[in-house]
Amino acid sequence: MSPNLRIAFRFLTAKKRAMMMSLSCTILGVGLFIVTQATTSGFESFFIKTMIGSDGALRIVDRIQDTMRSMGVSGAAGIQVRALEGVKYLEGIDEPRRIIEAVNEFAGVLGVSAVLKGDVQISSSFKLERAQIFGIDLAQHLRVSQLARKIVAGRLEDFGKSPSAALMGRVLADRLQLTVGDSFVINVRGESRRYRVVAIFETGLRDIDRTRLYLDLVEARSLLKKPTGATFIQMNLDDPKRAPALAARMVEMLHHNVEPWQLREVEWLQTFRALRISSAITVTVFTLIAGLAMFNTLAMIVIEKTKDIAILRSMGFERRDITQIFLWQAAIVLAFGAVGGALFGAAVTSAVEHVPLTISTLFKTDHFLVEWNPWHYVEAIATAVVMVMIASLVPARRAARLEPGDIVRGTAQ
């Protein structure tokens, strides 16, 4: 152990109560920072995973058509110049098979599914509800969604056995008081057809479970009177974070509008980000208190240990040695605070993960959601280091400026 560190330990034990206060605030600051980030990130990660599992990482939604305007050129009768004015989006996709073949050539694409969407009314013996039918090829759609893992009643294998088979969202089924095996009627454009619930799914996103109904793609074309085309093409990627870059490349090559999930859900992502930042600012108050406590403690040590500092300077200790002694004290408290805070944060996060919490608004869960991310620990400890060390620097520099002669004469400032 170096002499500076040994002396720092000796000075540290002289102010046990004050140092314990700073240590406690550091532990609380680091621990609560970890817990709040783990919970807010947990809900965000669950939302993102569920949303991508239901609607895909990328969607090709519309065709892009360049629009031109004509201008007459003065002095040249009959001559017109066509200038590019902008782009026009045409709803839907005319040739989904050709687009799918092109999309499969892109690296990182795991699955592609064409979807035909339409607004309908669904009636049972008890109620009438508005819903959206999604016509899908089941084999293709299972490669771009987590539909197979979201079935909570019935059998997914029964979906393709009959044109009248339907997969219904859990909330929609409850509102219509339907269970597996029950029949219902779809009304669209004055035509009514009867279908049967073969399975009920629950994604966890209420907006989906309340409105969505899956039919076979061929049956949906017949019902919606759309023998060709698709409403959108849904894709699954090996790395969803690459969606914006891949979307930009697809727009250039396919001349269709491609929406990455980050753009599609930008409002909710911004909301979660604001929650993370606000919670981090709130709990950082404890770390700020730890820094102020460290400042006060070291300032008192400087006042009380002026004679000891004079002796050290007379023995040959330089200014940087005195500075190191006081910074070592802050570093020791930080080291114990970081370890204790990380353990405290992990313990509380683990406990919070088992706390029952019923949510059924934006998404559905029956317990607190947390994300175990090592970066939360890095960010918490880094915040504590910055605040405590900055607060410790002022008294450390003040101690280093003390001169032995001034201390003896009683004129040290």
Protein backbone atom coordinates (compact mmCIF):
# COMPACT_ATOMS: atom_id res chain seq x y z
CA MET A 1 0.00 0.00 0.00
CA SER A 2 1.40 3.42 -0.95
CA PRO A 3 2.00 6.03 1.78
CA ASN A 4 -0.63 8.35 0.27
CA LEU A 5 -3.27 5.63 0.39
CA ARG A 6 -2.29 4.64 3.95
CA ILE A 7 -2.61 8.23 5.15
CA ALA A 8 -5.94 8.57 3.33
CA PHE A 9 -7.25 5.59 5.33
CA ARG A 10 -6.08 7.22 8.57
CA PHE A 11 -7.80 10.52 7.72
CA LEU A 12 -10.91 8.64 6.63
CA THR A 13 -11.36 6.92 9.99
CA ALA A 14 -11.29 10.30 11.70
CA LYS A 15 -14.70 11.17 10.19
CA LYS A 16 -16.53 7.87 10.30
CA ARG A 17 -20.06 9.23 10.66
CA ALA A 18 -19.69 11.80 7.89
CA MET A 19 -18.08 9.27 5.57
CA MET A 20 -20.85 6.76 6.31
CA MET A 21 -23.43 9.35 5.29
CA SER A 22 -21.65 9.96 2.00
CA LEU A 23 -21.27 6.21 1.51
CA SER A 24 -24.98 5.59 2.20
CA CYS A 25 -26.04 8.27 -0.28
CA THR A 26 -23.69 6.82 -2.90
CA ILE A 27 -25.13 3.34 -2.41
CA LEU A 28 -28.68 4.67 -2.63
CA GLY A 29 -27.89 6.79 -5.68
CA VAL A 30 -26.22 3.96 -7.60
CA GLY A 31 -28.79 1.36 -6.55
CA LEU A 32 -31.90 3.40 -7.30
CA PHE A 33 -30.45 4.55 -10.63
CA ILE A 34 -30.05 0.89 -11.61
CA VAL A 35 -33.55 -0.04 -10.45
CA THR A 36 -35.35 2.81 -12.22
CA GLN A 37 -33.48 2.22 -15.47
CA ALA A 38 -34.12 -1.53 -15.26
CA THR A 39 -37.87 -1.04 -14.84
CA THR A 40 -38.37 1.67 -17.47
CA SER A 41 -36.18 -0.24 -19.95
CA GLY A 42 -38.03 -3.43 -19.09
CA PHE A 43 -41.41 -2.04 -20.09
CA GLU A 44 -39.88 -0.48 -23.21
CA SER A 45 -38.17 -3.74 -24.25
CA PHE A 46 -41.38 -5.70 -23.71
CA PHE A 47 -43.32 -3.22 -25.85
CA ILE A 48 -40.71 -3.32 -28.64
CA LYS A 49 -40.41 -7.12 -28.62
CA THR A 50 -44.18 -7.57 -28.66
CA MET A 51 -44.71 -4.93 -31.34
CA ILE A 52 -42.02 -6.38 -33.63
CA GLY A 53 -43.36 -9.87 -32.98
CA SER A 54 -46.81 -8.76 -34.11
CA ASP A 55 -46.18 -6.19 -36.86
CA GLY A 56 -42.65 -6.99 -38.04
CA ALA A 57 -39.42 -5.01 -38.06
CA LEU A 58 -40.11 -3.58 -41.53
CA ARG A 59 -43.23 -2.96 -43.58
CA ILE A 60 -43.54 -2.15 -47.26
CA VAL A 61 -46.78 -0.19 -47.37
CA ASP A 62 -47.18 1.96 -50.50
CA ARG A 63 -45.93 2.42 -54.03
CA ILE A 64 -43.99 5.59 -54.83
CA GLN A 65 -44.87 7.47 -57.99
CA ASP A 66 -42.90 10.50 -59.15
CA THR A 67 -45.14 13.41 -60.05
CA MET A 68 -44.20 15.89 -62.79
CA ARG A 69 -45.40 19.35 -63.67
CA SER A 70 -45.19 21.02 -67.06
CA MET A 71 -44.00 24.55 -67.67
CA GLY A 72 -44.18 26.55 -70.90
CA VAL A 73 -40.91 28.14 -72.02
CA SER A 74 -41.23 31.73 -73.15
CA GLY A 75 -40.18 32.32 -76.72
CA ALA A 76 -40.51 28.68 -77.66
CA ALA A 77 -44.14 28.10 -78.49
CA GLY A 78 -45.32 24.57 -78.03
CA ILE A 79 -42.24 23.51 -76.06
CA GLN A 80 -42.77 22.32 -72.48
CA VAL A 81 -40.31 21.26 -69.81
CA ARG A 82 -41.24 18.53 -67.33
CA ALA A 83 -39.76 19.11 -63.90
CA LEU A 84 -39.81 16.76 -60.90
CA GLU A 85 -42.20 18.20 -58.31
CA GLY A 86 -42.28 15.50 -55.61
CA VAL A 87 -43.51 12.00 -54.96
CA LYS A 88 -46.96 10.55 -54.65
CA TYR A 89 -47.77 7.51 -52.52
CA LEU A 90 -50.24 5.04 -54.00
CA GLU A 91 -51.92 2.88 -51.39
CA GLY A 92 -51.17 -0.83 -51.39
CA ILE A 93 -48.89 -3.12 -53.37
CA ASP A 94 -49.87 -4.30 -56.85
CA GLU A 95 -47.34 -7.11 -57.31
CA PRO A 96 -46.53 -8.56 -53.87
CA ARG A 97 -44.95 -11.73 -55.30
CA ARG A 98 -42.39 -9.76 -57.28
CA ILE A 99 -41.60 -7.56 -54.27
CA ILE A 100 -41.20 -10.60 -52.02
CA GLU A 101 -38.74 -12.17 -54.45
CA ALA A 102 -36.69 -8.95 -54.47
CA VAL A 103 -36.81 -8.54 -50.68
CA ASN A 104 -35.50 -12.07 -50.11
CA GLU A 105 -32.28 -11.04 -51.84
CA PHE A 106 -31.43 -8.58 -49.05
CA ALA A 107 -29.04 -9.80 -46.38
CA GLY A 108 -30.52 -10.03 -42.91
CA VAL A 109 -34.12 -10.70 -43.99
CA LEU A 110 -35.41 -13.79 -42.17
CA GLY A 111 -38.97 -13.87 -43.45
CA VAL A 112 -41.47 -12.03 -45.66
CA SER A 113 -45.26 -12.14 -45.61
CA ALA A 114 -47.88 -10.39 -47.76
CA VAL A 115 -50.91 -9.18 -45.80
CA LEU A 116 -54.31 -8.02 -47.04
CA LYS A 117 -56.07 -5.79 -44.54
CA GLY A 118 -59.64 -4.57 -44.39
CA ASP A 119 -62.09 -2.93 -41.98
CA VAL A 120 -65.20 -4.96 -41.19
CA GLN A 121 -68.00 -5.39 -38.69
CA ILE A 122 -68.24 -8.58 -36.66
CA SER A 123 -71.45 -9.71 -35.03
CA SER A 124 -72.11 -12.52 -32.60
CA SER A 125 -75.30 -13.51 -30.79
CA PHE A 126 -74.51 -10.88 -28.17
CA LYS A 127 -72.81 -7.88 -29.73
CA LEU A 128 -71.59 -6.01 -32.80
CA GLU A 129 -67.95 -4.86 -32.97
CA ARG A 130 -65.71 -3.13 -35.51
CA ALA A 131 -62.57 -5.06 -36.37
CA GLN A 132 -59.77 -5.43 -38.90
CA ILE A 133 -59.24 -8.63 -40.82
CA PHE A 134 -55.72 -9.61 -41.83
CA GLY A 135 -55.54 -12.04 -44.72
CA ILE A 136 -52.34 -14.09 -44.38
CA ASP A 137 -50.55 -17.10 -45.73
CA LEU A 138 -50.00 -18.83 -42.38
CA ALA A 139 -46.71 -20.52 -43.28
CA GLN A 140 -45.21 -17.22 -44.44
CA HIS A 141 -46.63 -15.20 -41.56
CA LEU A 142 -45.23 -17.49 -38.89
CA ARG A 143 -41.76 -16.55 -40.17
CA VAL A 144 -42.34 -12.83 -39.58
CA SER A 145 -44.35 -12.91 -36.34
CA GLN A 146 -44.67 -14.64 -32.98
CA LEU A 147 -48.26 -15.65 -33.69
CA ALA A 148 -47.60 -19.33 -32.95
CA ARG A 149 -46.42 -18.47 -29.42
CA LYS A 150 -49.38 -16.16 -28.74
CA ILE A 151 -52.14 -18.75 -29.02
CA VAL A 152 -53.93 -19.00 -25.66
CA ALA A 153 -56.88 -21.18 -26.69
CA GLY A 154 -57.56 -23.60 -29.54
CA ARG A 155 -55.16 -25.07 -32.09
CA LEU A 156 -53.24 -23.11 -34.71
CA GLU A 157 -53.15 -26.22 -36.93
CA ASP A 158 -56.93 -25.95 -37.45
CA PHE A 159 -56.56 -22.57 -39.15
CA GLY A 160 -55.80 -23.93 -42.61
CA LYS A 161 -58.30 -26.78 -42.58
CA SER A 162 -61.30 -24.68 -43.60
CA PRO A 163 -61.83 -21.34 -45.41
CA SER A 164 -64.18 -20.31 -42.59
CA ALA A 165 -61.51 -20.76 -39.90
CA ALA A 166 -60.44 -17.59 -38.08
CA LEU A 167 -57.91 -16.54 -35.44
CA MET A 168 -59.33 -13.91 -33.10
CA GLY A 169 -57.71 -11.55 -30.58
CA ARG A 170 -58.40 -12.26 -26.93
CA VAL A 171 -59.98 -8.90 -26.11
CA LEU A 172 -62.18 -8.98 -29.23
CA ALA A 173 -63.33 -12.52 -28.39
CA ASP A 174 -64.19 -11.48 -24.84
CA ARG A 175 -66.16 -8.46 -26.04
CA LEU A 176 -68.14 -10.66 -28.44
CA GLN A 177 -68.41 -13.42 -25.79
CA LEU A 178 -66.93 -15.97 -28.16
CA THR A 179 -64.84 -19.03 -27.39
CA VAL A 180 -63.09 -21.62 -29.54
CA GLY A 181 -65.62 -23.37 -31.76
CA ASP A 182 -68.17 -20.54 -31.72
CA SER A 183 -69.34 -18.96 -34.96
CA PHE A 184 -69.72 -15.31 -35.86
CA VAL A 185 -70.65 -13.20 -38.89
CA ILE A 186 -68.46 -10.75 -40.79
CA ASN A 187 -70.29 -7.90 -42.50
CA VAL A 188 -68.51 -5.94 -45.23
CA ARG A 189 -69.95 -3.90 -48.10
CA GLY A 190 -73.43 -5.28 -47.55
CA GLU A 191 -72.28 -8.91 -47.66
CA SER A 192 -72.34 -11.27 -44.68
CA ARG A 193 -70.35 -14.47 -44.21
CA ARG A 194 -70.19 -16.85 -41.27
CA TYR A 195 -66.87 -17.96 -39.77
CA ARG A 196 -65.72 -20.07 -36.84
CA VAL A 197 -63.16 -19.31 -34.14
CA VAL A 198 -60.51 -22.05 -34.26
CA ALA A 199 -57.99 -20.31 -31.98
CA ILE A 200 -57.64 -17.21 -29.81
CA PHE A 201 -54.37 -15.29 -29.56
CA GLU A 202 -53.11 -12.72 -27.07
CA THR A 203 -50.12 -10.58 -28.06
CA GLY A 204 -50.12 -8.40 -24.95
CA LEU A 205 -50.78 -5.23 -26.99
CA ARG A 206 -54.38 -4.29 -26.31
CA ASP A 207 -54.92 -2.37 -29.56
CA ILE A 208 -54.06 -5.53 -31.51
CA ASP A 209 -55.98 -7.98 -29.33
CA ARG A 210 -59.07 -5.76 -29.44
CA THR A 211 -59.37 -5.34 -33.22
CA ARG A 212 -57.41 -7.98 -35.11
CA LEU A 213 -58.79 -11.07 -36.80
CA TYR A 214 -56.75 -13.37 -39.05
CA LEU A 215 -58.23 -15.13 -42.11
CA ASP A 216 -56.61 -17.18 -44.83
CA LEU A 217 -55.29 -14.89 -47.58
CA VAL A 218 -57.41 -16.53 -50.31
CA GLU A 219 -60.58 -16.19 -48.23
CA ALA A 220 -59.76 -12.56 -47.37
CA ARG A 221 -59.35 -11.76 -51.09
CA SER A 222 -62.76 -13.22 -51.78
CA LEU A 223 -64.39 -11.40 -48.87
CA LEU A 224 -62.83 -7.99 -49.62
CA LYS A 225 -63.23 -8.37 -53.39
CA LYS A 226 -59.49 -7.87 -53.96
CA PRO A 227 -58.27 -10.77 -56.10
CA THR A 228 -54.76 -9.35 -56.44
CA GLY A 229 -52.32 -7.16 -54.55
CA ALA A 230 -51.68 -6.69 -50.84
CA THR A 231 -52.07 -3.94 -48.28
CA PHE A 232 -48.52 -4.30 -46.99
CA ILE A 233 -45.59 -6.70 -46.85
CA GLN A 234 -44.26 -7.54 -43.42
CA MET A 235 -40.64 -8.53 -42.77
CA ASN A 236 -38.60 -10.05 -39.98
CA LEU A 237 -34.88 -9.19 -39.60
CA ASP A 238 -32.01 -10.89 -37.82
CA ASP A 239 -31.10 -7.51 -36.30
CA PRO A 240 -34.11 -5.17 -35.85
CA LYS A 241 -31.77 -2.26 -35.03
CA ARG A 242 -30.66 -2.25 -38.70
CA ALA A 243 -34.21 -1.60 -39.88
CA PRO A 244 -33.78 2.11 -40.78
CA ALA A 245 -30.64 1.52 -42.88
CA LEU A 246 -32.21 -1.45 -44.64
CA ALA A 247 -35.42 0.51 -45.25
CA ALA A 248 -33.48 3.29 -46.99
CA ARG A 249 -31.83 0.77 -49.34
CA MET A 250 -35.15 -0.90 -50.12
CA VAL A 251 -36.84 2.40 -50.96
CA GLU A 252 -34.17 3.12 -53.57
CA MET A 253 -34.28 -0.33 -55.14
CA LEU A 254 -37.97 -1.24 -54.84
CA HIS A 255 -39.48 2.24 -55.28
CA HIS A 256 -41.93 1.54 -52.47
CA ASN A 257 -42.37 3.22 -49.11
CA VAL A 258 -40.70 1.11 -46.41
CA GLU A 259 -41.43 1.79 -42.73
CA PRO A 260 -38.97 0.62 -40.04
CA TRP A 261 -40.42 -0.12 -36.62
CA GLN A 262 -38.48 2.83 -35.13
CA LEU A 263 -40.44 5.24 -37.35
CA ARG A 264 -43.72 3.40 -36.99
CA GLU A 265 -43.65 3.60 -33.18
CA VAL A 266 -41.66 6.83 -32.78
CA GLU A 267 -44.16 8.44 -30.40
CA TRP A 268 -44.08 5.58 -27.91
CA LEU A 269 -40.29 5.29 -28.15
CA GLN A 270 -39.94 9.00 -27.36
CA THR A 271 -42.29 8.57 -24.40
CA PHE A 272 -40.23 5.72 -22.96
CA ARG A 273 -37.03 7.72 -23.51
CA ALA A 274 -38.48 10.69 -21.63
CA LEU A 275 -39.44 8.40 -18.74
CA ARG A 276 -35.90 6.98 -18.56
CA ILE A 277 -34.33 10.43 -18.53
CA SER A 278 -36.76 11.87 -15.94
CA SER A 279 -36.31 8.90 -13.59
CA ALA A 280 -32.52 9.11 -13.96
CA ILE A 281 -32.58 12.83 -13.10
CA THR A 282 -34.78 12.19 -10.06
CA VAL A 283 -32.65 9.46 -8.47
CA THR A 284 -29.42 11.29 -9.28
CA VAL A 285 -30.36 13.62 -6.40
CA PHE A 286 -29.07 10.96 -4.00
CA THR A 287 -25.72 10.92 -5.80
CA LEU A 288 -25.65 14.73 -5.67
CA ILE A 289 -26.23 14.58 -1.91
CA ALA A 290 -23.36 12.09 -1.66
CA GLY A 291 -21.12 14.54 -3.51
CA LEU A 292 -22.11 17.42 -1.23
CA ALA A 293 -21.55 15.27 1.84
CA MET A 294 -18.11 14.32 0.56
CA PHE A 295 -17.29 17.98 -0.09
CA ASN A 296 -18.34 18.95 3.43
CA THR A 297 -16.46 16.06 5.03
CA LEU A 298 -13.20 16.69 3.20
CA ALA A 299 -13.46 20.43 3.85
CA MET A 300 -13.75 19.72 7.59
CA ILE A 301 -10.80 17.32 7.43
CA VAL A 302 -8.70 20.03 5.75
CA ILE A 303 -9.53 22.42 8.60
CA GLU A 304 -8.91 19.88 11.34
CA LYS A 305 -5.77 18.35 9.82
CA THR A 306 -3.88 21.53 8.92
CA LYS A 307 -1.08 20.69 11.35
CA ASP A 308 -0.84 17.16 10.01
CA ILE A 309 -0.68 18.58 6.50
CA ALA A 310 2.14 20.92 7.62
CA ILE A 311 4.07 17.98 9.03
CA LEU A 312 3.60 16.02 5.81
CA ARG A 313 4.79 18.96 3.73
CA SER A 314 7.81 19.38 6.02
CA MET A 315 8.64 15.69 5.56
CA GLY A 316 8.87 16.21 1.81
CA PHE A 317 5.36 15.48 0.61
CA GLU A 318 4.59 17.57 -2.46
CA ARG A 319 1.34 19.31 -3.32
CA ARG A 320 0.27 16.53 -5.65
CA ASP A 321 0.75 14.04 -2.79
CA ILE A 322 -1.61 16.03 -0.57
CA THR A 323 -4.12 16.23 -3.40
CA GLN A 324 -3.87 12.47 -3.90
CA ILE A 325 -4.43 11.80 -0.20
CA PHE A 326 -7.76 13.61 -0.25
CA LEU A 327 -8.82 12.21 -3.61
CA TRP A 328 -7.97 8.73 -2.34
CA GLN A 329 -10.49 9.24 0.45
CA ALA A 330 -13.19 10.04 -2.10
CA ALA A 331 -12.09 7.08 -4.23
CA ILE A 332 -12.33 4.68 -1.27
CA VAL A 333 -15.86 5.82 -0.49
CA LEU A 334 -16.73 5.57 -4.20
CA ALA A 335 -15.33 2.05 -4.49
CA PHE A 336 -17.38 0.77 -1.55
CA GLY A 337 -20.39 2.79 -2.69
CA ALA A 338 -20.21 1.46 -6.25
CA VAL A 339 -19.96 -2.17 -5.13
CA GLY A 340 -22.63 -1.73 -2.47
CA GLY A 341 -24.87 0.21 -4.84
CA ALA A 342 -24.55 -2.39 -7.59
CA LEU A 343 -25.42 -5.20 -5.15
CA PHE A 344 -28.28 -3.15 -3.70
CA GLY A 345 -29.58 -2.34 -7.18
CA ALA A 346 -29.40 -5.98 -8.30
CA ALA A 347 -31.20 -7.16 -5.16
CA VAL A 348 -33.99 -4.58 -5.46
CA THR A 349 -34.35 -5.22 -9.21
CA SER A 350 -34.72 -8.93 -8.53
CA ALA A 351 -37.33 -8.23 -5.86
CA VAL A 352 -39.24 -5.77 -8.05
CA GLU A 353 -39.36 -8.32 -10.87
CA HIS A 354 -41.63 -10.49 -8.70
CA VAL A 355 -43.96 -7.71 -7.60
CA PRO A 356 -47.47 -8.31 -9.00
CA LEU A 357 -48.72 -5.50 -11.25
CA THR A 358 -51.81 -5.73 -13.42
CA ILE A 359 -51.68 -3.61 -16.58
CA SER A 360 -54.09 -4.02 -19.49
CA THR A 361 -54.01 -0.67 -21.29
CA LEU A 362 -51.16 -0.19 -23.78
CA PHE A 363 -49.96 -3.76 -23.17
CA LYS A 364 -50.84 -6.53 -20.78
CA THR A 365 -48.69 -7.86 -17.96
CA ASP A 366 -49.29 -9.25 -14.48
CA HIS A 367 -45.94 -8.26 -12.94
CA PHE A 368 -43.22 -5.61 -13.08
CA LEU A 369 -41.04 -5.88 -16.15
CA VAL A 370 -37.29 -5.34 -15.77
CA GLU A 371 -34.31 -5.50 -18.12
CA TRP A 372 -30.96 -6.80 -16.89
CA ASN A 373 -28.53 -4.59 -18.74
CA PRO A 374 -24.87 -4.13 -17.65
CA TRP A 375 -24.89 -0.61 -19.11
CA HIS A 376 -27.29 0.47 -16.35
CA TYR A 377 -24.59 -0.37 -13.81
CA VAL A 378 -21.93 1.43 -15.84
CA GLU A 379 -24.07 4.56 -16.17
CA ALA A 380 -24.97 4.57 -12.45
CA ILE A 381 -21.37 4.19 -11.30
CA ALA A 382 -20.11 6.75 -13.83
CA THR A 383 -22.64 9.29 -12.56
CA ALA A 384 -21.50 8.73 -8.97
CA VAL A 385 -17.82 9.00 -9.95
CA VAL A 386 -18.32 12.30 -11.75
CA MET A 387 -20.33 13.95 -8.98
CA VAL A 388 -18.30 12.74 -5.99
CA MET A 389 -14.89 13.33 -7.54
CA ILE A 390 -15.81 16.84 -8.72
CA ALA A 391 -17.08 17.66 -5.23
CA SER A 392 -13.86 16.25 -3.71
CA LEU A 393 -11.53 18.17 -6.00
CA VAL A 394 -12.08 21.59 -4.37
CA PRO A 395 -11.08 20.64 -0.78
CA ALA A 396 -8.25 18.48 -2.14
CA ARG A 397 -6.77 21.41 -4.05
CA ARG A 398 -7.24 23.67 -1.06
CA ALA A 399 -5.30 21.26 1.14
CA ALA A 400 -2.51 21.10 -1.46
CA ARG A 401 -2.13 24.91 -1.39
CA LEU A 402 -1.40 25.00 2.33
CA GLU A 403 2.20 25.97 3.13
CA PRO A 404 3.96 24.74 6.32
CA GLY A 405 5.17 28.23 7.18
CA ASP A 406 1.69 29.73 6.92
CA ILE A 407 0.29 26.98 9.14
CA VAL A 408 2.92 27.58 11.82
CA ARG A 409 2.32 31.34 11.73
CA GLY A 410 -1.43 30.79 11.76
CA THR A 411 -1.97 32.64 8.49
CA ALA A 412 -3.07 29.63 6.37
CA GLN A 413 -6.23 30.25 4.39
